[in-house]
Structure formats: structure tokens, C-alpha cells
Amino acid sequence: MKKYLTIAAVVATLFIMWWLYDTGREAGYAEAEASYLAAMAEADAAHKEAMRSLKESSRQALAAAERARREERAEYQRRIAVALNSEEVRKWHEGIVPDAVVDAVWVQ
């Protein structure tokens, strides 16, 4: 009889040890899962912030390029206006061809 009680005590002890191990393992899994979910939420927030920042910087770069294009076009139009108002252009409209053009055509 003592032999059976000893075997029952050993089996009960092993069962309790297994139960404690399994409970601890499940708690560890739950803790790991919570840690994983927190890390994923943090990574998702960082990704969203990076994408927002990228969109904003892209928008600013696009606006800067558009301003530069407008300024370049305005400078080009200003140069054309200055060139069209020059004395040589007036002479061309009056039918007077500058000597440099006559010489260049004559040489060819």
C-alpha cells in the first residue's frame, strides 16, 4: 500500500510540475504576444509618421519645383520682351536689315 501511495505522490508531483510549467509557458506566450503586438503597433505608428513626412516633403519639393519653373518662365518671358523691344528688332520691322546679317548672307 505504501508503494502505491508513493507512486501516486510521484505522479501527482509530476502532474503539478507539468501543470505549473504549462501555465508558466502559456503566461510566457501571452506576455510574448502582448510584447509583439505592442512592437507592431509602435512600428505601424512609426511607418505612418514616416509616410506622412514623406508625403509632406514630396509636396514641398513639388511646390518648390513649380515655383522654380514659374520663375524661370518669367525670366524667359522677360528676356524675350527685352529682346523684342531692342533697336535691332525695330529695324527689322521697318525693313532695315542690320549690316552683320547682310555680311553673313553675302559671305555664304
N, C-alpha and C. Protein backbone atom coordinates (compact mmCIF):
# COMPACT_ATOMS: atom_id res chain seq x y z
N MET A 1 0.82 -1.18 0.00
CA MET A 1 0.00 0.00 0.00
C MET A 1 0.87 1.26 0.00
N LYS A 2 1.93 1.24 0.77
CA LYS A 2 2.83 2.38 0.84
C LYS A 2 3.46 2.63 -0.54
N LYS A 3 3.70 1.52 -1.25
CA LYS A 3 4.29 1.62 -2.58
C LYS A 3 3.34 2.38 -3.52
N TYR A 4 2.02 2.09 -3.45
CA TYR A 4 1.05 2.76 -4.30
C TYR A 4 0.89 4.23 -3.94
N LEU A 5 0.97 4.56 -2.67
CA LEU A 5 0.90 5.96 -2.24
C LEU A 5 2.12 6.73 -2.73
N THR A 6 3.26 6.08 -2.70
CA THR A 6 4.48 6.74 -3.19
C THR A 6 4.37 7.00 -4.69
N ILE A 7 3.88 5.99 -5.41
CA ILE A 7 3.72 6.16 -6.86
C ILE A 7 2.68 7.26 -7.14
N ALA A 8 1.58 7.28 -6.40
CA ALA A 8 0.55 8.31 -6.57
C ALA A 8 1.11 9.69 -6.24
N ALA A 9 1.93 9.79 -5.19
CA ALA A 9 2.55 11.06 -4.82
C ALA A 9 3.50 11.53 -5.92
N VAL A 10 4.28 10.60 -6.49
CA VAL A 10 5.22 10.96 -7.57
C VAL A 10 4.43 11.40 -8.80
N VAL A 11 3.36 10.67 -9.15
CA VAL A 11 2.55 11.03 -10.30
C VAL A 11 1.88 12.39 -10.07
N ALA A 12 1.34 12.60 -8.86
CA ALA A 12 0.71 13.89 -8.53
C ALA A 12 1.74 15.01 -8.61
N THR A 13 2.93 14.77 -8.10
CA THR A 13 4.00 15.78 -8.14
C THR A 13 4.37 16.09 -9.59
N LEU A 14 4.52 15.06 -10.42
CA LEU A 14 4.83 15.27 -11.84
C LEU A 14 3.70 16.04 -12.55
N PHE A 15 2.44 15.69 -12.22
CA PHE A 15 1.31 16.39 -12.81
C PHE A 15 1.32 17.87 -12.42
N ILE A 16 1.57 18.13 -11.13
CA ILE A 16 1.60 19.52 -10.65
C ILE A 16 2.75 20.27 -11.30
N MET A 17 3.91 19.60 -11.42
CA MET A 17 5.06 20.25 -12.05
C MET A 17 4.75 20.56 -13.52
N TRP A 18 4.12 19.58 -14.23
CA TRP A 18 3.75 19.80 -15.63
C TRP A 18 2.73 20.93 -15.75
N TRP A 19 1.75 20.96 -14.85
CA TRP A 19 0.71 21.99 -14.87
C TRP A 19 1.32 23.37 -14.64
N LEU A 20 2.23 23.49 -13.68
CA LEU A 20 2.90 24.76 -13.42
C LEU A 20 3.75 25.18 -14.63
N TYR A 21 4.44 24.21 -15.21
CA TYR A 21 5.26 24.52 -16.39
C TYR A 21 4.37 25.00 -17.54
N ASP A 22 3.28 24.29 -17.79
CA ASP A 22 2.38 24.65 -18.88
C ASP A 22 1.74 26.01 -18.64
N THR A 23 1.32 26.26 -17.40
CA THR A 23 0.73 27.55 -17.06
C THR A 23 1.75 28.67 -17.25
N GLY A 24 2.97 28.45 -16.81
CA GLY A 24 4.02 29.45 -16.99
C GLY A 24 4.34 29.68 -18.45
N ARG A 25 4.34 28.57 -19.22
CA ARG A 25 4.61 28.69 -20.65
C ARG A 25 3.50 29.50 -21.34
N GLU A 26 2.26 29.23 -20.99
CA GLU A 26 1.14 29.98 -21.57
C GLU A 26 1.21 31.44 -21.17
N ALA A 27 1.60 31.69 -19.92
CA ALA A 27 1.76 33.08 -19.48
C ALA A 27 2.89 33.74 -20.26
N GLY A 28 3.95 32.97 -20.49
CA GLY A 28 5.06 33.48 -21.30
C GLY A 28 4.62 33.78 -22.72
N TYR A 29 3.78 32.88 -23.28
CA TYR A 29 3.25 33.13 -24.62
C TYR A 29 2.40 34.39 -24.64
N ALA A 30 1.56 34.54 -23.64
CA ALA A 30 0.69 35.72 -23.57
C ALA A 30 1.54 36.98 -23.46
N GLU A 31 2.59 36.91 -22.64
CA GLU A 31 3.46 38.07 -22.47
C GLU A 31 4.21 38.36 -23.78
N ALA A 32 4.68 37.31 -24.43
CA ALA A 32 5.38 37.50 -25.70
C ALA A 32 4.44 38.06 -26.77
N GLU A 33 3.21 37.55 -26.77
CA GLU A 33 2.24 38.05 -27.75
C GLU A 33 1.91 39.52 -27.49
N ALA A 34 1.75 39.89 -26.24
CA ALA A 34 1.47 41.29 -25.90
C ALA A 34 2.65 42.17 -26.30
N SER A 35 3.86 41.68 -26.05
CA SER A 35 5.05 42.43 -26.43
C SER A 35 5.13 42.58 -27.95
N TYR A 36 4.83 41.49 -28.66
CA TYR A 36 4.83 41.52 -30.12
C TYR A 36 3.79 42.51 -30.65
N LEU A 37 2.58 42.47 -30.10
CA LEU A 37 1.54 43.39 -30.55
C LEU A 37 1.91 44.84 -30.27
N ALA A 38 2.54 45.08 -29.11
CA ALA A 38 2.97 46.45 -28.79
C ALA A 38 4.05 46.91 -29.77
N ALA A 39 4.99 46.01 -30.08
CA ALA A 39 6.05 46.37 -31.03
C ALA A 39 5.47 46.62 -32.42
N MET A 40 4.49 45.81 -32.82
CA MET A 40 3.86 46.02 -34.13
C MET A 40 3.09 47.33 -34.17
N ALA A 41 2.42 47.67 -33.10
CA ALA A 41 1.69 48.94 -33.05
C ALA A 41 2.65 50.11 -33.13
N GLU A 42 3.78 49.99 -32.43
CA GLU A 42 4.79 51.05 -32.46
C GLU A 42 5.39 51.17 -33.86
N ALA A 43 5.69 50.03 -34.49
CA ALA A 43 6.24 50.05 -35.84
C ALA A 43 5.23 50.63 -36.83
N ASP A 44 3.96 50.29 -36.66
CA ASP A 44 2.92 50.82 -37.54
C ASP A 44 2.80 52.33 -37.39
N ALA A 45 2.86 52.80 -36.16
CA ALA A 45 2.80 54.25 -35.92
C ALA A 45 4.01 54.95 -36.54
N ALA A 46 5.19 54.35 -36.39
CA ALA A 46 6.40 54.93 -36.98
C ALA A 46 6.30 54.94 -38.50
N HIS A 47 5.75 53.88 -39.08
CA HIS A 47 5.59 53.82 -40.52
C HIS A 47 4.61 54.89 -41.01
N LYS A 48 3.51 55.05 -40.31
CA LYS A 48 2.54 56.07 -40.69
C LYS A 48 3.15 57.47 -40.61
N GLU A 49 3.93 57.72 -39.57
CA GLU A 49 4.59 59.02 -39.42
C GLU A 49 5.60 59.24 -40.55
N ALA A 50 6.35 58.19 -40.88
CA ALA A 50 7.33 58.31 -41.97
C ALA A 50 6.64 58.58 -43.30
N MET A 51 5.52 57.91 -43.55
CA MET A 51 4.78 58.14 -44.79
C MET A 51 4.19 59.55 -44.83
N ARG A 52 3.68 60.03 -43.70
CA ARG A 52 3.15 61.39 -43.65
C ARG A 52 4.27 62.39 -43.92
N SER A 53 5.43 62.15 -43.31
CA SER A 53 6.57 63.03 -43.51
C SER A 53 7.03 63.00 -44.96
N LEU A 54 7.04 61.80 -45.56
CA LEU A 54 7.44 61.67 -46.95
C LEU A 54 6.46 62.41 -47.87
N LYS A 55 5.18 62.27 -47.61
CA LYS A 55 4.18 62.99 -48.41
C LYS A 55 4.37 64.49 -48.29
N GLU A 56 4.60 64.94 -47.05
CA GLU A 56 4.77 66.39 -46.84
C GLU A 56 6.03 66.89 -47.54
N SER A 57 7.13 66.16 -47.43
CA SER A 57 8.36 66.61 -48.08
C SER A 57 8.22 66.54 -49.61
N SER A 58 7.50 65.55 -50.11
CA SER A 58 7.25 65.47 -51.56
C SER A 58 6.41 66.65 -52.01
N ARG A 59 5.40 66.99 -51.22
CA ARG A 59 4.55 68.13 -51.55
C ARG A 59 5.37 69.42 -51.57
N GLN A 60 6.26 69.57 -50.59
CA GLN A 60 7.10 70.77 -50.54
C GLN A 60 8.07 70.81 -51.72
N ALA A 61 8.65 69.66 -52.07
CA ALA A 61 9.58 69.61 -53.20
C ALA A 61 8.85 69.93 -54.50
N LEU A 62 7.64 69.42 -54.64
CA LEU A 62 6.85 69.71 -55.83
C LEU A 62 6.52 71.19 -55.92
N ALA A 63 6.15 71.79 -54.79
CA ALA A 63 5.84 73.22 -54.77
C ALA A 63 7.08 74.05 -55.12
N ALA A 64 8.25 73.64 -54.58
CA ALA A 64 9.49 74.35 -54.88
C ALA A 64 9.84 74.23 -56.36
N ALA A 65 9.65 73.07 -56.94
CA ALA A 65 9.92 72.88 -58.37
C ALA A 65 8.97 73.72 -59.21
N GLU A 66 7.72 73.79 -58.79
CA GLU A 66 6.74 74.60 -59.52
C GLU A 66 7.11 76.09 -59.45
N ARG A 67 7.52 76.54 -58.25
CA ARG A 67 7.96 77.95 -58.12
C ARG A 67 9.17 78.22 -59.01
N ALA A 68 10.13 77.30 -59.01
CA ALA A 68 11.34 77.49 -59.84
C ALA A 68 10.96 77.53 -61.32
N ARG A 69 10.03 76.67 -61.73
CA ARG A 69 9.59 76.66 -63.12
C ARG A 69 8.91 77.98 -63.49
N ARG A 70 8.06 78.48 -62.60
CA ARG A 70 7.40 79.76 -62.85
C ARG A 70 8.41 80.90 -62.95
N GLU A 71 9.39 80.91 -62.02
CA GLU A 71 10.41 81.97 -62.04
C GLU A 71 11.24 81.89 -63.32
N GLU A 72 11.59 80.67 -63.74
CA GLU A 72 12.37 80.51 -64.96
C GLU A 72 11.57 80.98 -66.17
N ARG A 73 10.29 80.63 -66.19
CA ARG A 73 9.43 81.05 -67.31
C ARG A 73 9.29 82.58 -67.31
N ALA A 74 9.12 83.17 -66.13
CA ALA A 74 9.00 84.63 -66.06
C ALA A 74 10.29 85.30 -66.55
N GLU A 75 11.45 84.73 -66.17
CA GLU A 75 12.73 85.29 -66.63
C GLU A 75 12.86 85.14 -68.14
N TYR A 76 12.45 84.01 -68.67
CA TYR A 76 12.50 83.77 -70.12
C TYR A 76 11.60 84.78 -70.84
N GLN A 77 10.39 84.98 -70.34
CA GLN A 77 9.47 85.93 -70.96
C GLN A 77 10.00 87.35 -70.86
N ARG A 78 10.66 87.66 -69.73
CA ARG A 78 11.26 88.99 -69.58
C ARG A 78 12.36 89.20 -70.62
N ARG A 79 13.19 88.18 -70.82
CA ARG A 79 14.27 88.30 -71.81
C ARG A 79 13.71 88.45 -73.23
N ILE A 80 12.64 87.72 -73.50
CA ILE A 80 12.02 87.85 -74.83
C ILE A 80 11.46 89.26 -75.01
N ALA A 81 10.82 89.77 -73.97
CA ALA A 81 10.26 91.13 -74.07
C ALA A 81 11.37 92.16 -74.27
N VAL A 82 12.48 92.00 -73.57
CA VAL A 82 13.60 92.92 -73.74
C VAL A 82 14.16 92.81 -75.15
N ALA A 83 14.28 91.56 -75.63
CA ALA A 83 14.83 91.37 -76.97
C ALA A 83 13.90 91.94 -78.04
N LEU A 84 12.59 91.76 -77.85
CA LEU A 84 11.64 92.27 -78.84
C LEU A 84 11.58 93.79 -78.84
N ASN A 85 11.93 94.41 -77.74
CA ASN A 85 11.92 95.86 -77.66
C ASN A 85 13.26 96.47 -78.05
N SER A 86 14.19 95.65 -78.50
CA SER A 86 15.52 96.17 -78.83
C SER A 86 15.48 96.95 -80.15
N GLU A 87 16.51 97.70 -80.36
CA GLU A 87 16.62 98.55 -81.56
C GLU A 87 16.73 97.71 -82.82
N GLU A 88 17.44 96.58 -82.75
CA GLU A 88 17.61 95.74 -83.94
C GLU A 88 16.27 95.18 -84.41
N VAL A 89 15.42 94.78 -83.46
CA VAL A 89 14.12 94.22 -83.84
C VAL A 89 13.27 95.31 -84.48
N ARG A 90 13.34 96.51 -83.96
CA ARG A 90 12.60 97.62 -84.59
C ARG A 90 13.06 97.86 -86.02
N LYS A 91 14.37 97.77 -86.22
CA LYS A 91 14.90 97.97 -87.59
C LYS A 91 14.41 96.88 -88.53
N TRP A 92 14.38 95.63 -88.02
CA TRP A 92 13.88 94.52 -88.84
C TRP A 92 12.43 94.77 -89.23
N HIS A 93 11.62 95.27 -88.30
CA HIS A 93 10.22 95.54 -88.61
C HIS A 93 10.07 96.68 -89.61
N GLU A 94 11.01 97.59 -89.58
CA GLU A 94 10.97 98.71 -90.52
C GLU A 94 11.56 98.31 -91.88
N GLY A 95 12.12 97.12 -91.97
CA GLY A 95 12.68 96.67 -93.23
C GLY A 95 14.17 96.93 -93.37
N ILE A 96 14.77 97.45 -92.32
CA ILE A 96 16.20 97.72 -92.37
C ILE A 96 16.93 96.50 -91.82
N VAL A 97 17.71 95.85 -92.65
CA VAL A 97 18.45 94.65 -92.23
C VAL A 97 19.81 95.09 -91.71
N PRO A 98 20.19 94.65 -90.51
CA PRO A 98 21.50 95.04 -89.96
C PRO A 98 22.64 94.57 -90.86
N ASP A 99 23.73 95.33 -90.85
CA ASP A 99 24.88 95.03 -91.71
C ASP A 99 25.48 93.66 -91.41
N ALA A 100 25.48 93.25 -90.17
CA ALA A 100 26.07 91.95 -89.82
C ALA A 100 25.32 90.81 -90.51
N VAL A 101 24.01 90.93 -90.64
CA VAL A 101 23.22 89.88 -91.29
C VAL A 101 23.50 89.90 -92.79
N VAL A 102 23.58 91.08 -93.38
CA VAL A 102 23.88 91.20 -94.81
C VAL A 102 25.24 90.61 -95.10
N ASP A 103 26.24 90.92 -94.28
CA ASP A 103 27.59 90.39 -94.47
C ASP A 103 27.60 88.88 -94.34
N ALA A 104 26.86 88.33 -93.38
CA ALA A 104 26.85 86.88 -93.17
C ALA A 104 26.20 86.18 -94.36
N VAL A 105 25.12 86.75 -94.89
CA VAL A 105 24.46 86.14 -96.04
C VAL A 105 25.33 86.27 -97.29
N TRP A 106 25.98 87.40 -97.45
CA TRP A 106 26.82 87.66 -98.62
C TRP A 106 28.00 86.70 -98.67
N VAL A 107 28.59 86.40 -97.50
CA VAL A 107 29.76 85.51 -97.43
C VAL A 107 29.36 84.09 -97.80
N GLN A 108 28.19 83.67 -97.43
CA GLN A 108 27.77 82.30 -97.74
C GLN A 108 27.54 82.19 -99.20
